[in-house]
Protein backbone atom coordinates (compact mmCIF):
# COMPACT_ATOMS: atom_id res chain seq x y z
CA MET A 1 116.24 81.77 100.62
CA ALA A 2 113.87 83.73 98.43
CA PRO A 3 114.35 87.50 98.27
CA VAL A 4 111.81 89.54 100.24
CA PHE A 5 110.34 92.66 98.61
CA GLU A 6 108.46 95.59 100.07
CA THR A 7 105.81 97.77 98.41
CA ASP A 8 104.16 100.76 100.07
CA GLY A 9 100.77 102.27 99.47
CA ILE A 10 98.92 99.44 97.79
CA VAL A 11 95.12 99.06 97.92
CA ASP A 12 92.50 96.38 97.43
CA ALA A 13 91.52 96.08 93.78
CA GLY A 14 88.26 94.35 94.73
CA GLY A 15 87.69 90.66 95.17
CA SER A 16 89.91 90.18 98.21
CA ARG A 17 88.39 87.73 100.66
CA VAL A 18 89.09 85.70 103.78
CA VAL A 19 89.88 82.07 103.05
CA GLY A 20 90.23 79.24 105.53
CA LYS A 21 90.15 80.39 109.10
CA ASN A 22 92.55 83.35 109.07
CA HIS A 23 94.07 83.81 105.61
CA ILE A 24 93.41 86.50 103.04
CA ARG A 25 93.31 85.95 99.25
CA LEU A 26 94.20 89.42 97.94
CA CYS A 27 93.81 91.23 94.64
CA VAL A 28 95.91 94.40 95.01
CA VAL A 29 97.02 97.37 92.89
CA HIS A 30 99.29 100.35 93.41
CA PRO A 31 97.48 103.59 92.44
CA GLU A 32 100.66 105.12 90.92
CA ILE A 33 101.89 102.07 88.95
CA SER A 34 100.25 101.05 85.70
CA GLY A 35 99.34 97.45 85.10
CA GLY A 36 96.75 95.02 86.21
CA PRO A 37 96.05 93.80 89.73
CA CYS A 38 98.35 91.32 91.45
CA SER A 39 97.15 88.17 93.13
CA ALA A 40 98.44 87.55 96.66
CA ILE A 41 97.98 85.25 99.63
CA ALA A 42 98.48 86.42 103.22
CA PHE A 43 98.56 83.46 105.63
CA GLN A 44 97.53 84.18 109.25
CA GLN A 45 96.77 87.86 108.43
CA GLY A 46 92.94 87.71 108.62
CA GLU A 47 92.81 90.44 111.29
CA HIS A 48 93.69 93.00 108.62
CA PHE A 49 90.82 92.15 106.24
CA ASN A 50 88.31 94.78 107.41
CA ARG A 51 90.74 97.66 106.85
CA ILE A 52 91.88 96.25 103.51
CA GLU A 53 88.25 95.89 102.36
CA GLN A 54 87.60 99.53 103.30
CA GLY A 55 90.21 100.64 100.76
CA ILE A 56 92.75 101.89 103.30
CA PRO A 57 96.28 101.90 101.71
CA PHE A 58 98.79 99.55 103.30
CA ASP A 59 102.37 98.34 102.91
CA ILE A 60 103.41 94.73 102.42
CA CYS A 61 106.55 92.60 102.60
CA TYR A 62 106.34 89.56 100.30
CA THR A 63 108.10 86.93 98.27
CA LEU A 64 107.19 85.87 94.72
CA GLU A 65 106.02 82.35 94.12
CA GLU A 66 104.44 80.22 91.46
CA ASN A 67 100.91 79.12 92.23
CA GLU A 68 99.18 76.23 90.53
CA TRP A 69 95.40 75.91 90.83
CA ASN A 70 93.23 73.64 88.66
CA GLY A 71 96.09 73.11 86.25
CA VAL A 72 96.73 76.86 85.73
CA ARG A 73 100.08 78.31 86.81
CA SER A 74 100.49 81.95 87.75
CA LEU A 75 102.73 84.19 89.84
CA GLN A 76 101.45 85.39 93.17
CA LEU A 77 102.77 87.42 96.05
CA ASN A 78 103.18 85.49 99.32
CA VAL A 79 102.61 88.26 101.87
CA LYS A 80 104.78 87.94 104.97
CA ASP A 81 103.59 91.09 106.75
CA ILE A 82 101.02 93.87 106.40
CA ARG A 83 101.41 97.36 107.85
CA PHE A 84 99.05 100.34 107.91
CA ALA A 85 100.37 103.88 108.11
CA ASP A 86 98.69 104.75 111.44
């Protein structure tokens, strides 16, 4: 089993979008941690997209995985759950 991590208070870095019928391709950052944005995929989480797009901070649980697309390999977060503070 892959370890599951949790990060609180992340926000959309721009460029997040719905893919397929109900998945979200995310580009996220944490406002208090330096570094570039992280790529993520959230399967079956499309209902959260409007709030994410509005810039509302949220918490995620995720695993790390290697993604290969068009011959390019990169790390991405595989989001298992999304939670908003309210």
